[in-house]
PDB file of N, CA and C in Angstrom:
ATOM      1  N   UNK A   1       0.820  -1.194   0.000  1.00  0.00           N
ATOM      2  CA  UNK A   1       0.000   0.000   0.000  1.00  0.00           C
ATOM      3  C   UNK A   1       0.867   1.263   0.000  1.00  0.00           C
ATOM      4  N   UNK A   2       1.968   1.232   0.757  1.00  0.00           N
ATOM      5  CA  UNK A   2       2.850   2.390   0.798  1.00  0.00           C
ATOM      6  C   UNK A   2       3.469   2.652  -0.565  1.00  0.00           C
ATOM      7  N   UNK A   3       3.811   1.588  -1.281  1.00  0.00           N
ATOM      8  CA  UNK A   3       4.388   1.740  -2.611  1.00  0.00           C
ATOM      9  C   UNK A   3       3.384   2.386  -3.553  1.00  0.00           C
ATOM     10  N   UNK A   4       2.121   1.939  -3.491  1.00  0.00           N
ATOM     11  CA  UNK A   4       1.068   2.530  -4.324  1.00  0.00           C
ATOM     12  C   UNK A   4       0.919   4.018  -4.028  1.00  0.00           C
ATOM     13  N   UNK A   5       0.895   4.377  -2.748  1.00  0.00           N
ATOM     14  CA  UNK A   5       0.759   5.779  -2.349  1.00  0.00           C
ATOM     15  C   UNK A   5       1.918   6.617  -2.866  1.00  0.00           C
ATOM     16  N   UNK A   6       3.115   6.083  -2.763  1.00  0.00           N
ATOM     17  CA  UNK A   6       4.293   6.815  -3.229  1.00  0.00           C
ATOM     18  C   UNK A   6       4.256   7.001  -4.741  1.00  0.00           C
ATOM     19  N   UNK A   7       3.866   5.952  -5.461  1.00  0.00           N
ATOM     20  CA  UNK A   7       3.781   6.043  -6.923  1.00  0.00           C
ATOM     21  C   UNK A   7       2.696   7.025  -7.323  1.00  0.00           C
ATOM     22  N   UNK A   8       1.549   6.977  -6.652  1.00  0.00           N
ATOM     23  CA  UNK A   8       0.449   7.885  -6.949  1.00  0.00           C
ATOM     24  C   UNK A   8       0.861   9.338  -6.720  1.00  0.00           C
ATOM     25  N   UNK A   9       1.480   9.614  -5.579  1.00  0.00           N
ATOM     26  CA  UNK A   9       1.918  10.979  -5.283  1.00  0.00           C
ATOM     27  C   UNK A   9       2.969  11.457  -6.269  1.00  0.00           C
ATOM     28  N   UNK A  10       3.885  10.586  -6.645  1.00  0.00           N
ATOM     29  CA  UNK A  10       4.908  10.936  -7.622  1.00  0.00           C
ATOM     30  C   UNK A  10       4.260  11.287  -8.961  1.00  0.00           C
ATOM     31  N   UNK A  11       3.302  10.481  -9.403  1.00  0.00           N
ATOM     32  CA  UNK A  11       2.608  10.737 -10.665  1.00  0.00           C
ATOM     33  C   UNK A  11       1.823  12.032 -10.586  1.00  0.00           C
ATOM     34  N   UNK A  12       1.191  12.297  -9.453  1.00  0.00           N
ATOM     35  CA  UNK A  12       0.409  13.521  -9.279  1.00  0.00           C
ATOM     36  C   UNK A  12       1.293  14.756  -9.401  1.00  0.00           C
ATOM     37  N   UNK A  13       2.429  14.755  -8.731  1.00  0.00           N
ATOM     38  CA  UNK A  13       3.287  15.922  -8.740  1.00  0.00           C
ATOM     39  C   UNK A  13       4.050  16.100 -10.051  1.00  0.00           C
ATOM     40  N   UNK A  14       4.261  15.056 -10.796  1.00  0.00           N
ATOM     41  CA  UNK A  14       4.952  15.212 -12.068  1.00  0.00           C
ATOM     42  C   UNK A  14       4.031  15.744 -13.152  1.00  0.00           C
ATOM     43  N   UNK A  15       2.709  15.698 -12.940  1.00  0.00           N
ATOM     44  CA  UNK A  15       1.782  16.225 -13.932  1.00  0.00           C
ATOM     45  C   UNK A  15       1.405  17.671 -13.651  1.00  0.00           C
ATOM     46  N   UNK A  16       1.768  18.185 -12.490  1.00  0.00           N
ATOM     47  CA  UNK A  16       1.473  19.577 -12.182  1.00  0.00           C
ATOM     48  C   UNK A  16       2.415  20.483 -12.973  1.00  0.00           C
ATOM     49  N   UNK A  17       1.906  21.605 -13.477  1.00  0.00           N
ATOM     50  CA  UNK A  17       2.787  22.497 -14.231  1.00  0.00           C
ATOM     51  C   UNK A  17       3.875  23.082 -13.334  1.00  0.00           C
ATOM     52  N   UNK A  18       5.004  23.378 -13.938  1.00  0.00           N
ATOM     53  CA  UNK A  18       6.150  23.912 -13.194  1.00  0.00           C
ATOM     54  C   UNK A  18       6.138  25.436 -13.208  1.00  0.00           C
ATOM     55  N   UNK A  19       4.968  26.026 -13.182  1.00  0.00           N
ATOM     56  CA  UNK A  19       4.841  27.479 -13.191  1.00  0.00           C
ATOM     57  C   UNK A  19       3.591  27.867 -12.411  1.00  0.00           C
ATOM     58  N   UNK A  20       3.500  29.119 -12.072  1.00  0.00           N
ATOM     59  CA  UNK A  20       2.322  29.681 -11.411  1.00  0.00           C
ATOM     60  C   UNK A  20       1.526  30.462 -12.449  1.00  0.00           C
ATOM     61  N   UNK A  21       0.253  30.634 -12.201  1.00  0.00           N
ATOM     62  CA  UNK A  21      -0.587  31.435 -13.111  1.00  0.00           C
ATOM     63  C   UNK A  21       0.019  32.832 -13.293  1.00  0.00           C
ATOM     64  N   UNK A  22       0.611  33.366 -12.240  1.00  0.00           N
ATOM     65  CA  UNK A  22       1.212  34.702 -12.320  1.00  0.00           C
ATOM     66  C   UNK A  22       2.437  34.739 -13.234  1.00  0.00           C
ATOM     67  N   UNK A  23       3.010  33.584 -13.571  1.00  0.00           N
ATOM     68  CA  UNK A  23       4.153  33.524 -14.485  1.00  0.00           C
ATOM     69  C   UNK A  23       3.736  33.718 -15.942  1.00  0.00           C
ATOM     70  N   UNK A  24       2.450  33.552 -16.234  1.00  0.00           N
ATOM     71  CA  UNK A  24       1.968  33.651 -17.609  1.00  0.00           C
ATOM     72  C   UNK A  24       1.888  35.114 -18.016  1.00  0.00           C
ATOM     73  N   UNK A  25       2.644  35.467 -19.048  1.00  0.00           N
ATOM     74  CA  UNK A  25       2.678  36.836 -19.552  1.00  0.00           C
ATOM     75  C   UNK A  25       1.713  36.987 -20.725  1.00  0.00           C
ATOM     76  N   UNK A  26       1.684  35.994 -21.587  1.00  0.00           N
ATOM     77  CA  UNK A  26       0.814  36.017 -22.765  1.00  0.00           C
ATOM     78  C   UNK A  26       0.611  34.582 -23.242  1.00  0.00           C
ATOM     79  N   UNK A  27      -0.143  34.465 -24.316  1.00  0.00           N
ATOM     80  CA  UNK A  27      -0.367  33.136 -24.895  1.00  0.00           C
ATOM     81  C   UNK A  27      -0.665  33.297 -26.376  1.00  0.00           C
ATOM     82  N   UNK A  28      -0.537  32.186 -27.072  1.00  0.00           N
ATOM     83  CA  UNK A  28      -0.953  32.174 -28.469  1.00  0.00           C
ATOM     84  C   UNK A  28      -1.607  30.839 -28.759  1.00  0.00           C
ATOM     85  N   UNK A  29      -2.514  30.886 -29.683  1.00  0.00           N
ATOM     86  CA  UNK A  29      -3.126  29.666 -30.170  1.00  0.00           C
ATOM     87  C   UNK A  29      -2.480  29.378 -31.505  1.00  0.00           C
ATOM     88  N   UNK A  30      -1.939  28.186 -31.643  1.00  0.00           N
ATOM     89  CA  UNK A  30      -1.352  27.757 -32.903  1.00  0.00           C
ATOM     90  C   UNK A  30      -2.290  26.713 -33.502  1.00  0.00           C
ATOM     91  N   UNK A  31      -2.609  26.875 -34.775  1.00  0.00           N
ATOM     92  CA  UNK A  31      -3.504  25.938 -35.444  1.00  0.00           C
ATOM     93  C   UNK A  31      -3.411  26.126 -36.941  1.00  0.00           C
ATOM     94  N   UNK A  32      -3.769  25.069 -37.666  1.00  0.00           N
ATOM     95  CA  UNK A  32      -3.914  25.234 -39.109  1.00  0.00           C
ATOM     96  C   UNK A  32      -5.198  26.039 -39.342  1.00  0.00           C
ATOM     97  N   UNK A  33      -5.329  26.616 -40.491  1.00  0.00           N
ATOM     98  CA  UNK A  33      -6.509  27.416 -40.807  1.00  0.00           C
ATOM     99  C   UNK A  33      -7.668  26.534 -41.271  1.00  0.00           C
ATOM    100  N   UNK A  34      -7.367  25.380 -41.837  1.00  0.00           N
ATOM    101  CA  UNK A  34      -8.405  24.486 -42.364  1.00  0.00           C
ATOM    102  C   UNK A  34      -8.134  23.087 -41.894  1.00  0.00           C
ATOM    103  N   UNK A  35      -7.938  22.176 -42.813  1.00  0.00           N
ATOM    104  CA  UNK A  35      -7.564  20.781 -42.535  1.00  0.00           C
ATOM    105  C   UNK A  35      -8.248  20.232 -41.290  1.00  0.00           C
ATOM    106  N   UNK A  36      -7.477  19.957 -40.258  1.00  0.00           N
ATOM    107  CA  UNK A  36      -8.028  19.350 -39.046  1.00  0.00           C
ATOM    108  C   UNK A  36      -8.991  20.291 -38.328  1.00  0.00           C
ATOM    109  N   UNK A  37      -8.796  21.584 -38.454  1.00  0.00           N
ATOM    110  CA  UNK A  37      -9.674  22.535 -37.785  1.00  0.00           C
ATOM    111  C   UNK A  37     -11.098  22.444 -38.326  1.00  0.00           C
ATOM    112  N   UNK A  38     -11.250  22.157 -39.617  1.00  0.00           N
ATOM    113  CA  UNK A  38     -12.587  21.993 -40.194  1.00  0.00           C
ATOM    114  C   UNK A  38     -13.317  20.785 -39.624  1.00  0.00           C
ATOM    115  N   UNK A  39     -12.576  19.826 -39.101  1.00  0.00           N
ATOM    116  CA  UNK A  39     -13.193  18.650 -38.476  1.00  0.00           C
ATOM    117  C   UNK A  39     -13.514  18.889 -37.002  1.00  0.00           C
ATOM    118  N   UNK A  40     -13.183  20.056 -36.501  1.00  0.00           N
ATOM    119  CA  UNK A  40     -13.420  20.417 -35.102  1.00  0.00           C
ATOM    120  C   UNK A  40     -14.239  21.712 -35.051  1.00  0.00           C
ATOM    121  N   UNK A  41     -15.520  21.665 -35.380  1.00  0.00           N
ATOM    122  CA  UNK A  41     -16.309  22.896 -35.502  1.00  0.00           C
ATOM    123  C   UNK A  41     -16.372  23.747 -34.233  1.00  0.00           C
ATOM    124  N   UNK A  42     -16.403  23.107 -33.059  1.00  0.00           N
ATOM    125  CA  UNK A  42     -16.459  23.872 -31.810  1.00  0.00           C
ATOM    126  C   UNK A  42     -15.149  24.621 -31.558  1.00  0.00           C
ATOM    127  N   UNK A  43     -14.040  23.950 -31.796  1.00  0.00           N
ATOM    128  CA  UNK A  43     -12.727  24.574 -31.621  1.00  0.00           C
ATOM    129  C   UNK A  43     -12.541  25.679 -32.657  1.00  0.00           C
ATOM    130  N   UNK A  44     -12.993  25.439 -33.872  1.00  0.00           N
ATOM    131  CA  UNK A  44     -12.883  26.448 -34.927  1.00  0.00           C
ATOM    132  C   UNK A  44     -13.661  27.707 -34.558  1.00  0.00           C
ATOM    133  N   UNK A  45     -14.875  27.545 -34.020  1.00  0.00           N
ATOM    134  CA  UNK A  45     -15.660  28.712 -33.583  1.00  0.00           C
ATOM    135  C   UNK A  45     -14.929  29.468 -32.491  1.00  0.00           C
ATOM    136  N   UNK A  46     -14.333  28.740 -31.544  1.00  0.00           N
ATOM    137  CA  UNK A  46     -13.573  29.400 -30.481  1.00  0.00           C
ATOM    138  C   UNK A  46     -12.412  30.203 -31.066  1.00  0.00           C
ATOM    139  N   UNK A  47     -11.642  29.573 -31.941  1.00  0.00           N
ATOM    140  CA  UNK A  47     -10.456  30.234 -32.500  1.00  0.00           C
ATOM    141  C   UNK A  47     -10.834  31.438 -33.361  1.00  0.00           C
ATOM    142  N   UNK A  48     -11.845  31.288 -34.179  1.00  0.00           N
ATOM    143  CA  UNK A  48     -12.205  32.354 -35.125  1.00  0.00           C
ATOM    144  C   UNK A  48     -13.074  33.451 -34.502  1.00  0.00           C
ATOM    145  N   UNK A  49     -13.937  33.083 -33.552  1.00  0.00           N
ATOM    146  CA  UNK A  49     -14.919  34.041 -33.046  1.00  0.00           C
ATOM    147  C   UNK A  49     -14.677  34.529 -31.626  1.00  0.00           C
ATOM    148  N   UNK A  50     -14.015  33.736 -30.787  1.00  0.00           N
ATOM    149  CA  UNK A  50     -13.832  34.111 -29.385  1.00  0.00           C
ATOM    150  C   UNK A  50     -12.407  34.553 -29.059  1.00  0.00           C
ATOM    151  N   UNK A  51     -11.425  33.771 -29.491  1.00  0.00           N
ATOM    152  CA  UNK A  51     -10.026  34.031 -29.132  1.00  0.00           C
ATOM    153  C   UNK A  51      -9.536  35.437 -29.466  1.00  0.00           C
ATOM    154  N   UNK A  52      -9.922  36.016 -30.607  1.00  0.00           N
ATOM    155  CA  UNK A  52      -9.418  37.356 -30.923  1.00  0.00           C
ATOM    156  C   UNK A  52      -9.828  38.448 -29.919  1.00  0.00           C
ATOM    157  N   UNK A  53     -10.784  38.144 -29.063  1.00  0.00           N
ATOM    158  CA  UNK A  53     -11.267  39.149 -28.124  1.00  0.00           C
ATOM    159  C   UNK A  53     -10.647  39.054 -26.737  1.00  0.00           C
ATOM    160  N   UNK A  54      -9.680  38.159 -26.548  1.00  0.00           N
ATOM    161  CA  UNK A  54      -8.983  38.056 -25.265  1.00  0.00           C
ATOM    162  C   UNK A  54      -7.721  38.903 -25.283  1.00  0.00           C
ATOM    163  N   UNK A  55      -7.469  39.563 -24.161  1.00  0.00           N
ATOM    164  CA  UNK A  55      -6.236  40.341 -24.012  1.00  0.00           C
ATOM    165  C   UNK A  55      -5.047  39.390 -23.906  1.00  0.00           C
ATOM    166  N   UNK A  56      -3.922  39.787 -24.457  1.00  0.00           N
ATOM    167  CA  UNK A  56      -2.650  39.061 -24.372  1.00  0.00           C
ATOM    168  C   UNK A  56      -2.688  37.684 -25.022  1.00  0.00           C
ATOM    169  N   UNK A  57      -3.663  37.444 -25.902  1.00  0.00           N
ATOM    170  CA  UNK A  57      -3.792  36.158 -26.591  1.00  0.00           C
ATOM    171  C   UNK A  57      -3.831  36.412 -28.090  1.00  0.00           C
ATOM    172  N   UNK A  58      -2.911  35.785 -28.806  1.00  0.00           N
ATOM    173  CA  UNK A  58      -2.882  35.926 -30.259  1.00  0.00           C
ATOM    174  C   UNK A  58      -3.150  34.584 -30.905  1.00  0.00           C
ATOM    175  N   UNK A  59      -3.613  34.627 -32.133  1.00  0.00           N
ATOM    176  CA  UNK A  59      -3.839  33.414 -32.914  1.00  0.00           C
ATOM    177  C   UNK A  59      -2.821  33.394 -34.041  1.00  0.00           C
ATOM    178  N   UNK A  60      -2.117  32.284 -34.161  1.00  0.00           N
ATOM    179  CA  UNK A  60      -1.108  32.127 -35.204  1.00  0.00           C
ATOM    180  C   UNK A  60      -1.454  30.884 -36.015  1.00  0.00           C
ATOM    181  N   UNK A  61      -1.668  31.079 -37.308  1.00  0.00           N
ATOM    182  CA  UNK A  61      -2.015  29.963 -38.175  1.00  0.00           C
ATOM    183  C   UNK A  61      -0.746  29.364 -38.771  1.00  0.00           C
ATOM    184  N   UNK A  62      -0.584  28.058 -38.575  1.00  0.00           N
ATOM    185  CA  UNK A  62       0.579  27.313 -39.044  1.00  0.00           C
ATOM    186  C   UNK A  62       0.059  26.100 -39.817  1.00  0.00           C
ATOM    187  N   UNK A  63       0.442  25.989 -41.056  1.00  0.00           N
ATOM    188  CA  UNK A  63      -0.015  24.884 -41.897  1.00  0.00           C
ATOM    189  C   UNK A  63       0.241  23.535 -41.232  1.00  0.00           C
ATOM    190  N   UNK A  64      -0.826  22.745 -41.106  1.00  0.00           N
ATOM    191  CA  UNK A  64      -0.716  21.397 -40.557  1.00  0.00           C
ATOM    192  C   UNK A  64      -0.658  21.288 -39.047  1.00  0.00           C
ATOM    193  N   UNK A  65      -0.652  22.407 -38.329  1.00  0.00           N
ATOM    194  CA  UNK A  65      -0.531  22.374 -36.869  1.00  0.00           C
ATOM    195  C   UNK A  65      -1.862  22.013 -36.217  1.00  0.00           C
ATOM    196  N   UNK A  66      -1.842  21.132 -35.212  1.00  0.00           N
ATOM    197  CA  UNK A  66      -3.066  20.846 -34.457  1.00  0.00           C
ATOM    198  C   UNK A  66      -3.379  22.049 -33.564  1.00  0.00           C
ATOM    199  N   UNK A  67      -4.637  22.277 -33.218  1.00  0.00           N
ATOM    200  CA  UNK A  67      -4.963  23.429 -32.372  1.00  0.00           C
ATOM    201  C   UNK A  67      -4.432  23.265 -30.946  1.00  0.00           C
ATOM    202  N   UNK A  68      -3.576  24.205 -30.542  1.00  0.00           N
ATOM    203  CA  UNK A  68      -2.980  24.175 -29.204  1.00  0.00           C
ATOM    204  C   UNK A  68      -2.931  25.571 -28.613  1.00  0.00           C
ATOM    205  N   UNK A  69      -3.088  25.640 -27.304  1.00  0.00           N
ATOM    206  CA  UNK A  69      -2.892  26.872 -26.560  1.00  0.00           C
ATOM    207  C   UNK A  69      -1.476  26.819 -26.012  1.00  0.00           C
ATOM    208  N   UNK A  70      -0.663  27.802 -26.348  1.00  0.00           N
ATOM    209  CA  UNK A  70       0.730  27.859 -25.897  1.00  0.00           C
ATOM    210  C   UNK A  70       0.838  28.994 -24.882  1.00  0.00           C
ATOM    211  N   UNK A  71       1.140  28.646 -23.645  1.00  0.00           N
ATOM    212  CA  UNK A  71       1.286  29.641 -22.575  1.00  0.00           C
ATOM    213  C   UNK A  71       2.726  30.117 -22.537  1.00  0.00           C
ATOM    214  N   UNK A  72       2.899  31.437 -22.465  1.00  0.00           N
ATOM    215  CA  UNK A  72       4.229  32.043 -22.548  1.00  0.00           C
ATOM    216  C   UNK A  72       4.550  32.858 -21.307  1.00  0.00           C
ATOM    217  N   UNK A  73       5.814  32.779 -20.893  1.00  0.00           N
ATOM    218  CA  UNK A  73       6.303  33.562 -19.764  1.00  0.00           C
ATOM    219  C   UNK A  73       7.165  34.714 -20.260  1.00  0.00           C
ATOM    220  N   UNK A  74       7.995  35.222 -19.385  1.00  0.00           N
ATOM    221  CA  UNK A  74       8.913  36.308 -19.735  1.00  0.00           C
ATOM    222  C   UNK A  74       9.776  35.916 -20.918  1.00  0.00           C
ATOM    223  N   UNK A  75      10.017  36.848 -21.816  1.00  0.00           N
ATOM    224  CA  UNK A  75      10.869  36.605 -22.972  1.00  0.00           C
ATOM    225  C   UNK A  75      10.296  35.569 -23.926  1.00  0.00           C
ATOM    226  N   UNK A  76       8.976  35.432 -23.952  1.00  0.00           N
ATOM    227  CA  UNK A  76       8.290  34.446 -24.809  1.00  0.00           C
ATOM    228  C   UNK A  76       8.727  33.011 -24.534  1.00  0.00           C
ATOM    229  N   UNK A  77       9.157  32.737 -23.304  1.00  0.00           N
ATOM    230  CA  UNK A  77       9.543  31.381 -22.903  1.00  0.00           C
ATOM    231  C   UNK A  77       8.286  30.522 -22.796  1.00  0.00           C
ATOM    232  N   UNK A  78       8.285  29.385 -23.486  1.00  0.00           N
ATOM    233  CA  UNK A  78       7.125  28.500 -23.476  1.00  0.00           C
ATOM    234  C   UNK A  78       7.008  27.815 -22.114  1.00  0.00           C
ATOM    235  N   UNK A  79       5.845  27.994 -21.473  1.00  0.00           N
ATOM    236  CA  UNK A  79       5.594  27.389 -20.175  1.00  0.00           C
ATOM    237  C   UNK A  79       4.851  26.068 -20.296  1.00  0.00           C
ATOM    238  N   UNK A  80       3.869  26.057 -21.192  1.00  0.00           N
ATOM    239  CA  UNK A  80       3.059  24.855 -21.360  1.00  0.00           C
ATOM    240  C   UNK A  80       2.338  24.924 -22.702  1.00  0.00           C
ATOM    241  N   UNK A  81       2.048  23.761 -23.233  1.00  0.00           N
ATOM    242  CA  UNK A  81       1.341  23.616 -24.509  1.00  0.00           C
ATOM    243  C   UNK A  81       0.151  22.706 -24.244  1.00  0.00           C
ATOM    244  N   UNK A  82      -1.063  23.216 -24.497  1.00  0.00           N
ATOM    245  CA  UNK A  82      -2.284  22.466 -24.190  1.00  0.00           C
ATOM    246  C   UNK A  82      -3.082  22.206 -25.455  1.00  0.00           C
ATOM    247  N   UNK A  83      -3.403  20.945 -25.691  1.00  0.00           N
ATOM    248  CA  UNK A  83      -4.187  20.567 -26.869  1.00  0.00           C
ATOM    249  C   UNK A  83      -5.635  21.030 -26.696  1.00  0.00           C
ATOM    250  N   UNK A  84      -6.200  21.564 -27.776  1.00  0.00           N
ATOM    251  CA  UNK A  84      -7.584  22.021 -27.760  1.00  0.00           C
ATOM    252  C   UNK A  84      -8.518  21.071 -28.503  1.00  0.00           C
ATOM    253  N   UNK A  85      -7.971  20.121 -29.231  1.00  0.00           N
ATOM    254  CA  UNK A  85      -8.769  19.308 -30.147  1.00  0.00           C
ATOM    255  C   UNK A  85      -9.845  18.467 -29.469  1.00  0.00           C
ATOM    256  N   UNK A  86      -9.713  18.146 -28.201  1.00  0.00           N
ATOM    257  CA  UNK A  86     -10.710  17.338 -27.505  1.00  0.00           C
ATOM    258  C   UNK A  86     -11.715  18.179 -26.730  1.00  0.00           C
ATOM    259  N   UNK A  87     -11.635  19.507 -26.869  1.00  0.00           N
ATOM    260  CA  UNK A  87     -12.496  20.402 -26.101  1.00  0.00           C
ATOM    261  C   UNK A  87     -13.612  20.982 -26.956  1.00  0.00           C
ATOM    262  N   UNK A  88     -14.685  21.388 -26.296  1.00  0.00           N
ATOM    263  CA  UNK A  88     -15.755  22.125 -26.948  1.00  0.00           C
ATOM    264  C   UNK A  88     -15.474  23.614 -26.859  1.00  0.00           C
ATOM    265  N   UNK A  89     -16.307  24.402 -27.494  1.00  0.00           N
ATOM    266  CA  UNK A  89     -16.117  25.857 -27.508  1.00  0.00           C
ATOM    267  C   UNK A  89     -16.111  26.436 -26.090  1.00  0.00           C
ATOM    268  N   UNK A  90     -17.081  26.068 -25.272  1.00  0.00           N
ATOM    269  CA  UNK A  90     -17.151  26.605 -23.915  1.00  0.00           C
ATOM    270  C   UNK A  90     -15.961  26.150 -23.080  1.00  0.00           C
ATOM    271  N   UNK A  91     -15.534  24.908 -23.264  1.00  0.00           N
ATOM    272  CA  UNK A  91     -14.373  24.404 -22.533  1.00  0.00           C
ATOM    273  C   UNK A  91     -13.105  25.173 -22.916  1.00  0.00           C
ATOM    274  N   UNK A  92     -12.974  25.533 -24.179  1.00  0.00           N
ATOM    275  CA  UNK A  92     -11.823  26.345 -24.615  1.00  0.00           C
ATOM    276  C   UNK A  92     -11.853  27.708 -23.930  1.00  0.00           C
ATOM    277  N   UNK A  93     -13.029  28.340 -23.900  1.00  0.00           N
ATOM    278  CA  UNK A  93     -13.163  29.630 -23.229  1.00  0.00           C
ATOM    279  C   UNK A  93     -12.862  29.498 -21.742  1.00  0.00           C
ATOM    280  N   UNK A  94     -13.370  28.449 -21.118  1.00  0.00           N
ATOM    281  CA  UNK A  94     -13.114  28.240 -19.684  1.00  0.00           C
ATOM    282  C   UNK A  94     -11.626  28.032 -19.412  1.00  0.00           C
ATOM    283  N   UNK A  95     -10.954  27.296 -20.269  1.00  0.00           N
ATOM    284  CA  UNK A  95      -9.522  27.056 -20.112  1.00  0.00           C
ATOM    285  C   UNK A  95      -8.740  28.365 -20.159  1.00  0.00           C
ATOM    286  N   UNK A  96      -9.037  29.183 -21.151  1.00  0.00           N
ATOM    287  CA  UNK A  96      -8.335  30.471 -21.298  1.00  0.00           C
ATOM    288  C   UNK A  96      -8.598  31.354 -20.080  1.00  0.00           C
ATOM    289  N   UNK A  97      -9.831  31.391 -19.624  1.00  0.00           N
ATOM    290  CA  UNK A  97     -10.166  32.196 -18.436  1.00  0.00           C
ATOM    291  C   UNK A  97      -9.478  31.652 -17.188  1.00  0.00           C
ATOM    292  N   UNK A  98      -9.441  30.309 -17.060  1.00  0.00           N
ATOM    293  CA  UNK A  98      -8.772  29.689 -15.904  1.00  0.00           C
ATOM    294  C   UNK A  98      -7.284  30.005 -15.866  1.00  0.00           C
ATOM    295  N   UNK A  99      -6.693  30.278 -17.018  1.00  0.00           N
ATOM    296  CA  UNK A  99      -5.272  30.622 -17.085  1.00  0.00           C
ATOM    297  C   UNK A  99      -5.038  32.117 -16.880  1.00  0.00           C
ATOM    298  N   UNK A 100      -6.104  32.876 -16.594  1.00  0.00           N
ATOM    299  CA  UNK A 100      -5.957  34.282 -16.226  1.00  0.00           C
ATOM    300  C   UNK A 100      -6.218  35.291 -17.323  1.00  0.00           C
ATOM    301  N   UNK A 101      -6.768  34.865 -18.436  1.00  0.00           N
ATOM    302  CA  UNK A 101      -7.021  35.793 -19.541  1.00  0.00           C
ATOM    303  C   UNK A 101      -8.445  36.323 -19.459  1.00  0.00           C
ATOM    304  N   UNK A 102      -8.599  37.592 -19.823  1.00  0.00           N
ATOM    305  CA  UNK A 102      -9.908  38.239 -19.813  1.00  0.00           C
ATOM    306  C   UNK A 102     -10.189  38.821 -21.194  1.00  0.00           C
ATOM    307  N   UNK A 103     -11.464  38.994 -21.466  1.00  0.00           N
ATOM    308  CA  UNK A 103     -11.847  39.579 -22.755  1.00  0.00           C
ATOM    309  C   UNK A 103     -11.560  41.077 -22.739  1.00  0.00           C
ATOM    310  N   UNK A 104     -11.221  41.585 -23.906  1.00  0.00           N
ATOM    311  CA  UNK A 104     -10.957  43.009 -24.074  1.00  0.00           C
ATOM    312  C   UNK A 104     -12.237  43.786 -23.837  1.00  0.00           C
ATOM    313  N   UNK A 105     -12.087  44.996 -23.294  1.00  0.00           N
ATOM    314  CA  UNK A 105     -13.239  45.865 -23.089  1.00  0.00           C
ATOM    315  C   UNK A 105     -13.771  46.323 -24.440  1.00  0.00           C
ATOM    316  N   UNK A 106     -15.087  46.335 -24.578  1.00  0.00           N
ATOM    317  CA  UNK A 106     -15.692  46.837 -25.807  1.00  0.00           C
ATOM    318  C   UNK A 106     -15.597  48.347 -25.802  1.00  0.00           C
ATOM    319  N   UNK A 107     -15.559  48.934 -26.995  1.00  0.00           N
ATOM    320  CA  UNK A 107     -15.469  50.394 -27.115  1.00  0.00           C
ATOM    321  C   UNK A 107     -16.632  51.066 -26.400  1.00  0.00           C
ATOM    322  N   UNK A 108     -17.807  50.444 -26.395  1.00  0.00           N
ATOM    323  CA  UNK A 108     -18.975  51.017 -25.720  1.00  0.00           C
ATOM    324  C   UNK A 108     -18.819  50.989 -24.208  1.00  0.00           C
ATOM    325  N   UNK A 109     -17.916  50.129 -23.680  1.00  0.00           N
ATOM    326  CA  UNK A 109     -17.672  50.039 -22.240  1.00  0.00           C
ATOM    327  C   UNK A 109     -16.711  51.117 -21.747  1.00  0.00           C
ATOM    328  N   UNK A 110     -15.997  51.769 -22.651  1.00  0.00           N
ATOM    329  CA  UNK A 110     -14.976  52.736 -22.250  1.00  0.00           C
ATOM    330  C   UNK A 110     -15.543  54.089 -21.941  1.00  0.00           C
TER     331      UNK A 110
END
């Protein structure tokens, strides 16, 4: 039982990110413009319709790239890369918000 507990705790701590939310300076979404993205309608809606409205989040289209959220620290150092292909539109929005990103203020709000 002690061995199981030790293995479980080791696995738990090795899957935790090696950064704090406060370490995240910006992020980008990397994805192809078509191809696999066309087979993921919820992710495509998030990337095309929601992502452009978040502060400090850019979308970069790369031919053949699977949709991923890339979290960046100081000096554009990559902190973590998260696959979006298994998520729905709302889950993508929740993920971005959970990582500390907020939507840009609308001009009417200023």
